Amino acid sequence: MIRLVAALFALMPVLPAALAAERPNIILVMTDDQGWGQMGFYDHPVLKTPHLDAMAANGLRLDRFYAGAPNCSPTRASVLTGRTNDRTGVYNHGHALRLQEKTLPVALRDAGYATAHFGKWHLNGFVGPGVPLLADDTHHPGRFGFDEWVSVSNFFDRDPLMSRMGKFEEFEGDSAEIIVDEALKFIRRKAAARQPFFAVIWYGSPHDPFKAADADREDFKLPESSAHHYGELVAMDRSIGTLRAGLREAGIADDTLVWFNSDNGGLPRIEPSTTGGLRDYKGSIYEGGLRVPAIIEWPARIKAGRVSRYPAVTMDIFPTLAEIVGLPASTMLEPQDGGSLVPLFERELETRSKPIGFRHTGRSAWVDNDWKLVWPDRGKTAYELYHLGNDPIESRDLFREQPKIAVRLKQQLLAWDESVNRSERGLDYPEGRVDPAHPKARPWMTSPEYAPHLEQFRARWEYRERIERAEMEATGRK
């Protein structure tokens, strides 16, 4: 018997000392196109978010938190890798994450966590409205470390058609509430088994097309599209309340870290404005396109009601969780663009030692605490410099007035940019190159993988127009 027990222990993974001491459950929650200003605690003129407000009051509110990029797929890549999107091959929406990247779910799974993804994926190389992921998709969540998944390729709305591990399944109700309900089923099972878990909940709200329940939008005296948009946020906030209540009911709220943020800045043409007065919107490298709402709640470690002005970014998520859990450095691919925020859990930090770089569709930005250098066109030599402490709306370009600071930040940005160029060529990987089989972004409407499902999709409102448009373009009709 003694020999048998010894043999069983020999088969168990060896965990770092920090991991054995502290293994909180981890939930990453991300909205889709929610602007920085769209929170009740920022005194939004029409939107109330009581559950997010309660979460912030019980945790750490990050007032200068950035998405890794100004649109969806690139930011999602930054969350899973700790690296800026161009390093990973996710240059824009719909681009696939390289299988050569080291990811957070793989690291946590290998450390003994149960892992699951719920909702929007958008890292498998397909463009178009969210469709159920295929079982043989080469880039579905399971390929990147998720044990379980109920997912769609992109944005999704009410009564969605989703994929449970490759099997199509129809749901009824608001998409935000559906995926939280699915996540809670997973969470309850793992809590009962006393297994730490890592759950990713990526909403499809409030991405267009906007489709809210009548009860969620009827109080908004706004144009129809704006009312539906804000109605989606009402349902999303309610689902946050359901999630937090579910954690309390399972007896694991204190020992669960919940990290909430949006994937990019807010949308234009929504009334009232989505970005809280910040410059520009989704797709832009100005603050309105990059700065997003963020909250971290972890009652066992974070004192309630704290607000931080420390600049942080989605690339910080992986290194922060790695330090908490005690993951070895080898679980992360170098170079890493983020850094651990663990010290921020205990106290406010005055300055960030590692500037934050952004690179997206031919543009770059460099944030060094209150200073921000903007390179609007990487094919040209024009730069802009802003002091975000004095000018958060980026209204006054100081590039000529502050030449020493401008030169310093420009040199840092160019050195970082060259580092990203090396990553683009695959020099960070053991093979020293990018896998030639890495897929290019393509629309599912005309891909052979989804051809067998087009007739089923054609019957649904969210797909019909896209399919017909793709067919017309293919035949040269207008």
Protein backbone atom coordinates (compact mmCIF):
# COMPACT_ATOMS: atom_id res chain seq x y z
CA MET A 1 0.00 0.00 0.00
CA ILE A 2 2.81 2.43 0.90
CA ARG A 3 4.45 1.78 -2.45
CA LEU A 4 1.14 2.36 -4.24
CA VAL A 5 0.57 5.70 -2.52
CA ALA A 6 4.13 6.75 -3.31
CA ALA A 7 3.63 5.84 -6.95
CA LEU A 8 0.42 7.87 -7.14
CA PHE A 9 2.13 10.92 -5.68
CA ALA A 10 4.93 10.54 -8.20
CA LEU A 11 2.38 10.84 -11.00
CA MET A 12 0.94 14.12 -9.69
CA PRO A 13 2.29 17.38 -11.16
CA VAL A 14 4.84 19.18 -9.02
CA LEU A 15 3.39 22.58 -8.15
CA PRO A 16 5.40 25.66 -7.17
CA ALA A 17 5.29 26.54 -3.48
CA ALA A 18 3.30 29.73 -4.16
CA LEU A 19 0.75 27.75 -6.13
CA ALA A 20 0.19 25.29 -3.30
CA ALA A 21 -0.27 28.18 -0.85
CA GLU A 22 -2.64 30.33 -2.88
CA ARG A 23 -4.74 29.15 -5.78
CA PRO A 24 -7.74 31.44 -6.13
CA ASN A 25 -10.42 30.70 -8.64
CA ILE A 26 -10.09 33.10 -11.57
CA ILE A 27 -12.80 34.59 -13.79
CA LEU A 28 -12.02 36.97 -16.66
CA VAL A 29 -15.05 38.91 -17.87
CA MET A 30 -14.93 41.09 -20.99
CA THR A 31 -17.62 43.14 -22.67
CA ASP A 32 -17.68 43.84 -26.40
CA ASP A 33 -17.49 47.55 -27.39
CA GLN A 34 -18.39 49.05 -24.01
CA GLY A 35 -16.88 52.52 -23.77
CA TRP A 36 -14.94 53.91 -20.83
CA GLY A 37 -17.77 56.24 -19.87
CA GLN A 38 -20.53 53.63 -19.88
CA MET A 39 -20.55 52.88 -16.16
CA GLY A 40 -22.90 54.08 -13.47
CA PHE A 41 -20.01 55.00 -11.17
CA TYR A 42 -18.79 57.49 -13.80
CA ASP A 43 -22.17 59.28 -13.53
CA HIS A 44 -23.40 58.29 -16.96
CA PRO A 45 -26.44 60.45 -17.81
CA VAL A 46 -28.83 57.58 -18.64
CA LEU A 47 -27.20 54.21 -17.88
CA LYS A 48 -27.32 52.64 -14.42
CA THR A 49 -25.00 49.71 -13.65
CA PRO A 50 -25.83 48.78 -10.04
CA HIS A 51 -24.11 45.41 -10.11
CA LEU A 52 -20.88 46.71 -11.62
CA ASP A 53 -21.04 49.60 -9.16
CA ALA A 54 -21.31 47.10 -6.31
CA MET A 55 -18.42 45.11 -7.71
CA ALA A 56 -16.28 48.26 -7.87
CA ALA A 57 -17.28 49.22 -4.32
CA ASN A 58 -16.08 45.83 -3.13
CA GLY A 59 -12.86 45.75 -5.13
CA LEU A 60 -10.30 47.75 -7.07
CA ARG A 61 -11.50 50.17 -9.76
CA LEU A 62 -8.90 50.88 -12.44
CA ASP A 63 -9.57 54.33 -13.90
CA ARG A 64 -6.66 54.21 -16.36
CA PHE A 65 -6.99 50.74 -17.79
CA TYR A 66 -6.31 50.11 -21.47
CA ALA A 67 -7.38 47.48 -23.94
CA GLY A 68 -4.38 45.98 -25.70
CA ALA A 69 -5.71 47.30 -29.01
CA PRO A 70 -8.63 49.41 -30.25
CA ASN A 71 -10.68 46.45 -31.47
CA CYS A 72 -11.69 42.97 -30.45
CA SER A 73 -9.53 40.09 -31.70
CA PRO A 74 -6.20 41.89 -31.06
CA THR A 75 -7.17 42.66 -27.46
CA ARG A 76 -8.27 39.07 -26.88
CA ALA A 77 -4.87 37.87 -28.09
CA SER A 78 -3.18 40.24 -25.63
CA VAL A 79 -5.22 38.84 -22.73
CA LEU A 80 -4.29 35.23 -23.48
CA THR A 81 -0.58 35.86 -24.16
CA GLY A 82 0.55 38.97 -22.27
CA ARG A 83 1.92 40.23 -25.60
CA THR A 84 0.90 43.04 -27.90
CA ASN A 85 -1.31 41.78 -30.72
CA ASP A 86 1.10 42.20 -33.64
CA ARG A 87 3.56 39.80 -31.98
CA THR A 88 0.90 37.08 -32.05
CA GLY A 89 -0.26 37.51 -35.65
CA VAL A 90 -3.62 39.01 -34.63
CA TYR A 91 -3.31 42.24 -36.59
CA ASN A 92 -7.00 43.04 -36.79
CA HIS A 93 -10.46 41.65 -36.08
CA GLY A 94 -11.00 38.10 -37.29
CA HIS A 95 -7.30 37.16 -37.41
CA ALA A 96 -6.32 33.84 -35.88
CA LEU A 97 -4.05 33.54 -32.85
CA ARG A 98 -0.91 31.58 -33.71
CA LEU A 99 -0.76 28.12 -32.23
CA GLN A 100 2.91 28.79 -31.51
CA GLU A 101 1.99 31.28 -28.77
CA LYS A 102 2.08 30.29 -25.10
CA THR A 103 -1.29 31.00 -23.53
CA LEU A 104 -2.71 31.65 -20.09
CA PRO A 105 -5.28 28.80 -20.16
CA VAL A 106 -2.57 26.27 -21.04
CA ALA A 107 -0.41 27.52 -18.17
CA LEU A 108 -3.27 27.33 -15.67
CA ARG A 109 -4.51 23.97 -16.95
CA ASP A 110 -1.02 22.54 -16.54
CA ALA A 111 -0.97 23.92 -13.00
CA GLY A 112 -4.11 21.98 -12.06
CA TYR A 113 -6.88 24.42 -12.94
CA ALA A 114 -10.07 23.42 -14.72
CA THR A 115 -10.44 25.80 -17.67
CA ALA A 116 -13.48 26.91 -19.66
CA HIS A 117 -14.47 29.55 -22.21
CA PHE A 118 -17.96 31.01 -22.64
CA GLY A 119 -19.12 33.38 -25.37
CA LYS A 120 -17.27 35.30 -28.04
CA TRP A 121 -13.98 33.78 -29.22
CA HIS A 122 -12.89 35.61 -32.42
CA LEU A 123 -9.39 34.15 -32.51
CA ASN A 124 -9.96 31.42 -35.09
CA GLY A 125 -9.54 33.40 -38.31
CA PHE A 126 -13.17 33.84 -39.39
CA VAL A 127 -14.77 37.19 -40.19
CA GLY A 128 -18.50 37.85 -39.94
CA PRO A 129 -21.24 37.60 -37.30
CA GLY A 130 -20.62 35.01 -34.64
CA VAL A 131 -21.34 31.44 -35.73
CA PRO A 132 -20.92 28.24 -33.71
CA LEU A 133 -17.35 26.97 -33.67
CA LEU A 134 -16.77 23.70 -35.45
CA ALA A 135 -15.48 20.60 -33.67
CA ASP A 136 -12.58 20.32 -36.12
CA ASP A 137 -11.73 24.02 -36.13
CA THR A 138 -7.94 24.22 -35.93
CA HIS A 139 -8.14 27.29 -33.67
CA HIS A 140 -11.10 26.72 -31.36
CA PRO A 141 -10.67 27.42 -27.61
CA GLY A 142 -9.68 23.83 -26.89
CA ARG A 143 -6.57 24.23 -29.03
CA PHE A 144 -5.39 26.96 -26.66
CA GLY A 145 -5.94 25.25 -23.32
CA PHE A 146 -9.67 25.37 -22.54
CA ASP A 147 -11.05 22.04 -21.29
CA GLU A 148 -14.64 23.10 -21.94
CA TRP A 149 -16.23 25.73 -24.12
CA VAL A 150 -19.62 27.07 -25.18
CA SER A 151 -18.60 29.56 -27.82
CA VAL A 152 -19.23 31.43 -31.05
CA SER A 153 -16.76 32.89 -33.50
CA ASN A 154 -17.69 36.57 -33.03
CA PHE A 155 -20.44 38.85 -31.69
CA PHE A 156 -23.79 37.28 -30.84
CA ASP A 157 -27.19 38.53 -29.73
CA ARG A 158 -30.49 37.33 -28.30
CA ASP A 159 -31.51 33.69 -28.77
CA PRO A 160 -28.06 32.71 -30.09
CA LEU A 161 -26.91 29.59 -31.88
CA MET A 162 -23.75 28.47 -30.09
CA SER A 163 -21.31 25.58 -30.05
CA ARG A 164 -20.82 23.32 -27.05
CA MET A 165 -17.49 21.64 -27.75
CA GLY A 166 -18.33 21.55 -31.47
CA LYS A 167 -22.00 20.58 -31.15
CA PHE A 168 -24.48 23.25 -32.26
CA GLU A 169 -27.05 24.28 -29.65
CA GLU A 170 -29.86 26.85 -29.72
CA PHE A 171 -30.48 29.08 -26.71
CA GLU A 172 -33.27 31.46 -25.74
CA GLY A 173 -32.84 34.77 -24.00
CA ASP A 174 -30.25 37.49 -23.65
CA SER A 175 -26.80 36.37 -24.72
CA ALA A 176 -25.09 37.89 -21.66
CA GLU A 177 -27.34 36.04 -19.26
CA ILE A 178 -27.02 32.80 -21.23
CA ILE A 179 -23.25 32.62 -21.03
CA VAL A 180 -23.20 33.55 -17.33
CA ASP A 181 -25.70 30.77 -16.66
CA GLU A 182 -23.47 28.34 -18.56
CA ALA A 183 -20.40 29.56 -16.70
CA LEU A 184 -22.13 29.09 -13.34
CA LYS A 185 -22.92 25.46 -14.16
CA PHE A 186 -19.19 24.91 -14.70
CA ILE A 187 -18.28 26.92 -11.60
CA ARG A 188 -20.66 25.01 -9.32
CA ARG A 189 -19.29 21.68 -10.49
CA LYS A 190 -15.71 22.71 -9.86
CA ALA A 191 -16.53 24.30 -6.51
CA ALA A 192 -18.23 21.09 -5.39
CA ALA A 193 -15.17 19.11 -6.47
CA ARG A 194 -12.87 21.62 -4.73
CA GLN A 195 -10.90 22.12 -7.92
CA PRO A 196 -9.62 25.61 -8.73
CA PHE A 197 -11.02 26.91 -11.98
CA PHE A 198 -10.27 29.47 -14.68
CA ALA A 199 -13.39 30.70 -16.48
CA VAL A 200 -13.40 33.21 -19.33
CA ILE A 201 -16.71 34.98 -20.00
CA TRP A 202 -16.56 37.07 -23.17
CA TYR A 203 -19.83 38.84 -23.89
CA GLY A 204 -21.18 39.77 -27.29
CA SER A 205 -22.76 42.91 -25.79
CA PRO A 206 -23.09 45.77 -26.58
CA HIS A 207 -21.67 45.13 -30.08
CA ASP A 208 -24.01 45.88 -32.95
CA PRO A 209 -26.49 44.81 -34.17
CA PHE A 210 -28.26 45.93 -31.02
CA LYS A 211 -31.13 43.76 -29.85
CA ALA A 212 -32.35 44.22 -26.29
CA ALA A 213 -35.46 42.94 -24.57
CA ASP A 214 -38.35 45.41 -24.42
CA ALA A 215 -38.13 45.60 -20.65
CA ASP A 216 -34.42 46.45 -20.77
CA ARG A 217 -34.76 49.33 -23.22
CA GLU A 218 -38.16 50.83 -22.52
CA ASP A 219 -36.88 53.36 -19.97
CA PHE A 220 -34.41 54.89 -22.43
CA LYS A 221 -36.03 57.82 -24.28
CA LEU A 222 -33.47 57.62 -27.08
CA PRO A 223 -33.26 56.82 -30.78
CA GLU A 224 -34.06 53.15 -31.33
CA SER A 225 -30.51 51.92 -31.95
CA SER A 226 -29.18 53.75 -28.87
CA ALA A 227 -32.02 52.42 -26.72
CA HIS A 228 -31.26 48.86 -27.80
CA HIS A 229 -27.53 49.47 -27.22
CA TYR A 230 -28.08 50.64 -23.66
CA GLY A 231 -30.66 47.91 -23.11
CA GLU A 232 -27.96 45.34 -23.87
CA LEU A 233 -25.79 46.92 -21.19
CA VAL A 234 -28.65 46.71 -18.69
CA ALA A 235 -28.88 42.94 -19.28
CA MET A 236 -25.11 42.59 -19.13
CA ASP A 237 -24.97 44.38 -15.79
CA ARG A 238 -27.77 42.16 -14.46
CA SER A 239 -25.76 39.10 -15.47
CA ILE A 240 -22.83 40.43 -13.42
CA GLY A 241 -25.18 40.42 -10.45
CA THR A 242 -26.14 36.83 -11.23
CA LEU A 243 -22.47 35.83 -11.44
CA ARG A 244 -21.54 37.48 -8.14
CA ALA A 245 -24.58 36.00 -6.40
CA GLY A 246 -23.68 32.57 -7.78
CA LEU A 247 -20.18 32.81 -6.32
CA ARG A 248 -21.61 33.73 -2.91
CA GLU A 249 -24.12 30.88 -3.03
CA ALA A 250 -21.32 28.44 -3.85
CA GLY A 251 -19.33 29.74 -0.88
CA ILE A 252 -16.34 30.75 -3.00
CA ALA A 253 -16.76 34.52 -3.48
CA ASP A 254 -13.91 35.47 -1.14
CA ASP A 255 -11.46 33.13 -2.84
CA THR A 256 -12.37 34.04 -6.43
CA LEU A 257 -10.65 36.76 -8.41
CA VAL A 258 -13.00 38.38 -10.94
CA TRP A 259 -11.41 40.72 -13.49
CA PHE A 260 -13.81 42.81 -15.58
CA ASN A 261 -12.97 45.03 -18.56
CA SER A 262 -14.07 45.93 -22.07
CA ASP A 263 -12.21 44.85 -25.22
CA ASN A 264 -11.88 48.33 -26.76
CA GLY A 265 -13.25 51.84 -26.61
CA GLY A 266 -16.85 52.83 -27.16
CA LEU A 267 -18.85 53.23 -30.34
CA PRO A 268 -19.66 56.41 -32.26
CA ARG A 269 -23.20 57.45 -33.22
CA ILE A 270 -24.63 56.34 -29.88
CA GLU A 271 -26.58 58.82 -27.75
CA PRO A 272 -25.42 59.78 -25.12
CA SER A 273 -21.72 59.39 -25.97
CA THR A 274 -19.94 56.22 -24.94
CA THR A 275 -16.42 57.39 -24.07
CA GLY A 276 -16.94 59.83 -21.21
CA GLY A 277 -15.50 62.73 -23.17
CA LEU A 278 -12.31 60.97 -24.25
CA ARG A 279 -11.07 61.58 -27.79
CA ASP A 280 -12.34 59.31 -30.56
CA TYR A 281 -13.85 55.81 -30.47
CA LYS A 282 -13.29 52.13 -31.19
CA GLY A 283 -10.63 51.64 -33.86
CA SER A 284 -8.62 54.67 -32.76
CA ILE A 285 -5.35 54.79 -30.84
CA TYR A 286 -6.49 57.91 -28.99
CA GLU A 287 -7.85 57.47 -25.48
CA GLY A 288 -11.45 56.94 -26.56
CA GLY A 289 -10.41 53.90 -28.58
CA LEU A 290 -8.10 52.36 -25.99
CA ARG A 291 -9.13 53.30 -22.46
CA VAL A 292 -11.81 50.99 -21.07
CA PRO A 293 -13.66 50.39 -17.80
CA ALA A 294 -12.03 47.83 -15.51
CA ILE A 295 -12.58 46.34 -12.05
CA ILE A 296 -10.77 43.61 -10.10
CA GLU A 297 -12.68 42.02 -7.23
CA TRP A 298 -10.96 39.56 -4.90
CA PRO A 299 -12.24 39.93 -1.33
CA ALA A 300 -9.54 37.75 0.19
CA ARG A 301 -6.76 40.02 -1.06
CA ILE A 302 -8.12 43.38 -2.23
CA LYS A 303 -9.50 45.92 0.21
CA ALA A 304 -12.96 47.13 -0.74
CA GLY A 305 -13.59 50.48 -2.39
CA ARG A 306 -10.17 51.31 -3.79
CA VAL A 307 -9.73 53.45 -6.92
CA SER A 308 -6.45 53.53 -8.84
CA ARG A 309 -5.08 55.93 -11.44
CA TYR A 310 -2.16 53.63 -12.19
CA PRO A 311 -1.86 52.97 -15.95
CA ALA A 312 -2.53 49.30 -16.66
CA VAL A 313 -3.41 47.21 -19.71
CA THR A 314 -4.78 43.82 -20.76
CA MET A 315 -1.21 42.60 -21.36
CA ASP A 316 -0.80 42.79 -17.56
CA ILE A 317 -3.39 40.06 -16.94
CA PHE A 318 -1.19 37.04 -17.72
CA PRO A 319 1.87 38.16 -15.70
CA THR A 320 -0.36 39.23 -12.79
CA LEU A 321 -2.11 35.86 -12.60
CA ALA A 322 1.20 34.06 -13.11
CA GLU A 323 2.61 35.74 -10.02
CA ILE A 324 -0.50 35.05 -7.95
CA VAL A 325 -0.59 31.37 -8.83
CA GLY A 326 3.18 30.89 -8.83
CA LEU A 327 3.59 29.90 -12.47
CA PRO A 328 7.15 29.49 -13.70
CA ALA A 329 8.46 32.14 -16.08
CA SER A 330 8.68 29.52 -18.80
CA THR A 331 4.88 29.49 -19.12
CA MET A 332 5.06 32.91 -20.80
CA LEU A 333 6.62 33.59 -24.18
CA GLU A 334 9.15 36.39 -24.27
CA PRO A 335 9.11 39.27 -24.89
CA GLN A 336 6.23 40.05 -22.55
CA ASP A 337 4.63 43.48 -22.98
CA GLY A 338 2.78 43.51 -19.67
CA GLY A 339 3.80 43.35 -16.05
CA SER A 340 2.36 42.09 -12.79
CA LEU A 341 -0.16 44.29 -10.97
CA VAL A 342 0.07 42.30 -7.73
CA PRO A 343 1.70 45.20 -5.78
CA LEU A 344 -1.27 47.36 -6.80
CA PHE A 345 -3.57 45.01 -4.88
CA GLU A 346 -2.07 46.24 -1.62
CA ARG A 347 -1.44 49.94 -2.28
CA GLU A 348 -1.57 52.65 -4.90
CA LEU A 349 1.54 52.84 -7.10
CA GLU A 350 2.83 56.23 -8.18
CA THR A 351 4.65 55.38 -11.39
CA ARG A 352 4.75 52.54 -13.88
CA SER A 353 8.31 51.49 -14.75
CA LYS A 354 7.36 49.68 -17.97
CA PRO A 355 5.69 51.87 -20.61
CA ILE A 356 2.73 50.49 -22.54
CA GLY A 357 3.05 50.07 -26.30
CA PHE A 358 0.22 49.79 -28.80
CA ARG A 359 0.44 48.80 -32.46
CA HIS A 360 -2.57 48.36 -34.70
CA THR A 361 -3.14 48.57 -38.46
CA GLY A 362 -0.19 50.82 -39.24
CA ARG A 363 -0.42 53.06 -36.16
CA SER A 364 1.34 53.08 -32.80
CA ALA A 365 1.13 54.74 -29.40
CA TRP A 366 3.40 54.74 -26.36
CA VAL A 367 2.10 55.49 -22.86
CA ASP A 368 4.69 56.37 -20.21
CA ASN A 369 2.67 57.30 -17.14
CA ASP A 370 1.15 60.74 -17.87
CA TRP A 371 2.90 61.12 -21.23
CA LYS A 372 1.56 59.61 -24.42
CA LEU A 373 3.30 59.60 -27.79
CA VAL A 374 1.08 58.95 -30.79
CA TRP A 375 2.41 57.79 -34.17
CA PRO A 376 -0.71 58.14 -36.35
CA ASP A 377 0.90 56.64 -39.45
CA ARG A 378 3.92 54.36 -39.14
CA GLY A 379 4.70 55.03 -42.80
CA LYS A 380 5.38 58.70 -41.99
CA THR A 381 7.53 60.57 -39.49
CA ALA A 382 4.88 62.78 -37.86
CA TYR A 383 4.32 62.26 -34.14
CA GLU A 384 2.06 63.78 -31.49
CA LEU A 385 2.70 64.16 -27.76
CA TYR A 386 0.09 64.58 -25.03
CA HIS A 387 0.18 64.95 -21.26
CA LEU A 388 -2.74 62.81 -20.12
CA GLY A 389 -2.63 64.11 -16.55
CA ASN A 390 -3.36 67.66 -17.67
CA ASP A 391 -5.08 66.85 -20.95
CA PRO A 392 -6.92 63.51 -20.86
CA ILE A 393 -8.91 64.43 -23.98
CA GLU A 394 -5.69 64.84 -26.01
CA SER A 395 -6.52 68.31 -27.26
CA ARG A 396 -3.05 69.92 -27.18
CA ASP A 397 -0.11 68.43 -29.07
CA LEU A 398 3.12 69.15 -27.11
CA PHE A 399 5.57 67.43 -29.46
CA ARG A 400 7.36 70.69 -30.38
CA GLU A 401 7.01 72.25 -26.93
CA GLN A 402 8.60 69.31 -25.07
CA PRO A 403 11.47 68.18 -27.34
CA LYS A 404 13.42 66.25 -24.67
CA ILE A 405 10.44 64.19 -23.63
CA ALA A 406 9.39 63.73 -27.25
CA VAL A 407 12.82 62.43 -28.26
CA ARG A 408 13.03 60.06 -25.28
CA LEU A 409 9.61 58.55 -25.92
CA LYS A 410 10.22 58.35 -29.66
CA GLN A 411 13.46 56.39 -29.11
CA GLN A 412 11.68 54.01 -26.74
CA LEU A 413 8.79 53.52 -29.14
CA LEU A 414 11.06 52.84 -32.12
CA ALA A 415 13.12 50.30 -30.16
CA TRP A 416 9.93 48.53 -29.05
CA ASP A 417 8.56 48.68 -32.58
CA GLU A 418 11.63 46.89 -33.90
CA SER A 419 11.18 44.25 -31.21
CA VAL A 420 7.62 43.68 -32.43
CA ASN A 421 8.93 43.42 -36.00
CA ARG A 422 11.17 40.55 -34.88
CA SER A 423 8.23 38.84 -33.25
CA GLU A 424 6.20 39.26 -36.42
CA ARG A 425 8.83 37.28 -38.29
CA GLY A 426 8.49 34.43 -35.79
CA LEU A 427 11.88 34.92 -34.13
CA ASP A 428 10.37 34.41 -30.66
CA TYR A 429 9.38 30.83 -31.49
CA PRO A 430 11.71 27.80 -31.19
CA GLU A 431 11.30 27.27 -34.95
CA GLY A 432 12.54 30.80 -35.62
CA ARG A 433 9.70 31.40 -38.08
CA VAL A 434 5.93 31.63 -38.32
CA ASP A 435 4.19 28.34 -39.07
CA PRO A 436 3.39 28.50 -42.80
CA ALA A 437 0.07 26.72 -42.13
CA HIS A 438 -1.21 29.65 -40.05
CA PRO A 439 -4.56 30.61 -41.60
CA LYS A 440 -5.43 34.01 -43.00
CA ALA A 441 -8.59 35.82 -41.97
CA ARG A 442 -11.53 34.82 -44.19
CA PRO A 443 -15.33 35.17 -44.13
CA TRP A 444 -17.18 32.07 -42.97
CA MET A 445 -19.94 32.84 -45.48
CA THR A 446 -17.71 31.68 -48.36
CA SER A 447 -15.44 29.20 -46.58
CA PRO A 448 -15.70 25.47 -47.36
CA GLU A 449 -15.67 24.65 -43.65
CA TYR A 450 -19.06 26.31 -43.14
CA ALA A 451 -20.64 25.47 -46.50
CA PRO A 452 -22.61 22.49 -45.07
CA HIS A 453 -24.29 24.80 -42.54
CA LEU A 454 -25.31 27.73 -44.74
CA GLU A 455 -28.89 26.63 -45.23
CA GLN A 456 -29.37 26.29 -41.48
CA PHE A 457 -27.84 29.73 -40.96
CA ARG A 458 -29.91 31.31 -43.72
CA ALA A 459 -33.05 30.80 -41.63
CA ARG A 460 -31.71 33.05 -38.87
CA TRP A 461 -32.04 36.86 -38.87
CA GLU A 462 -28.45 37.54 -37.83
CA TYR A 463 -26.95 35.57 -40.73
CA ARG A 464 -29.39 35.83 -43.63
CA GLU A 465 -28.32 39.21 -44.99
CA ARG A 466 -24.61 38.43 -44.70
CA ILE A 467 -24.98 35.17 -46.61
CA GLU A 468 -27.03 36.76 -49.37
CA ARG A 469 -24.56 39.64 -49.70
CA ALA A 470 -21.62 37.24 -49.95
CA GLU A 471 -23.42 35.22 -52.62
CA MET A 472 -24.17 38.35 -54.64
CA GLU A 473 -20.55 39.46 -54.46
CA ALA A 474 -19.39 36.01 -55.52
CA THR A 475 -21.59 36.13 -58.63
CA GLY A 476 -20.78 39.75 -59.48
CA ARG A 477 -24.32 40.99 -58.77
CA LYS A 478 -25.13 44.17 -56.87
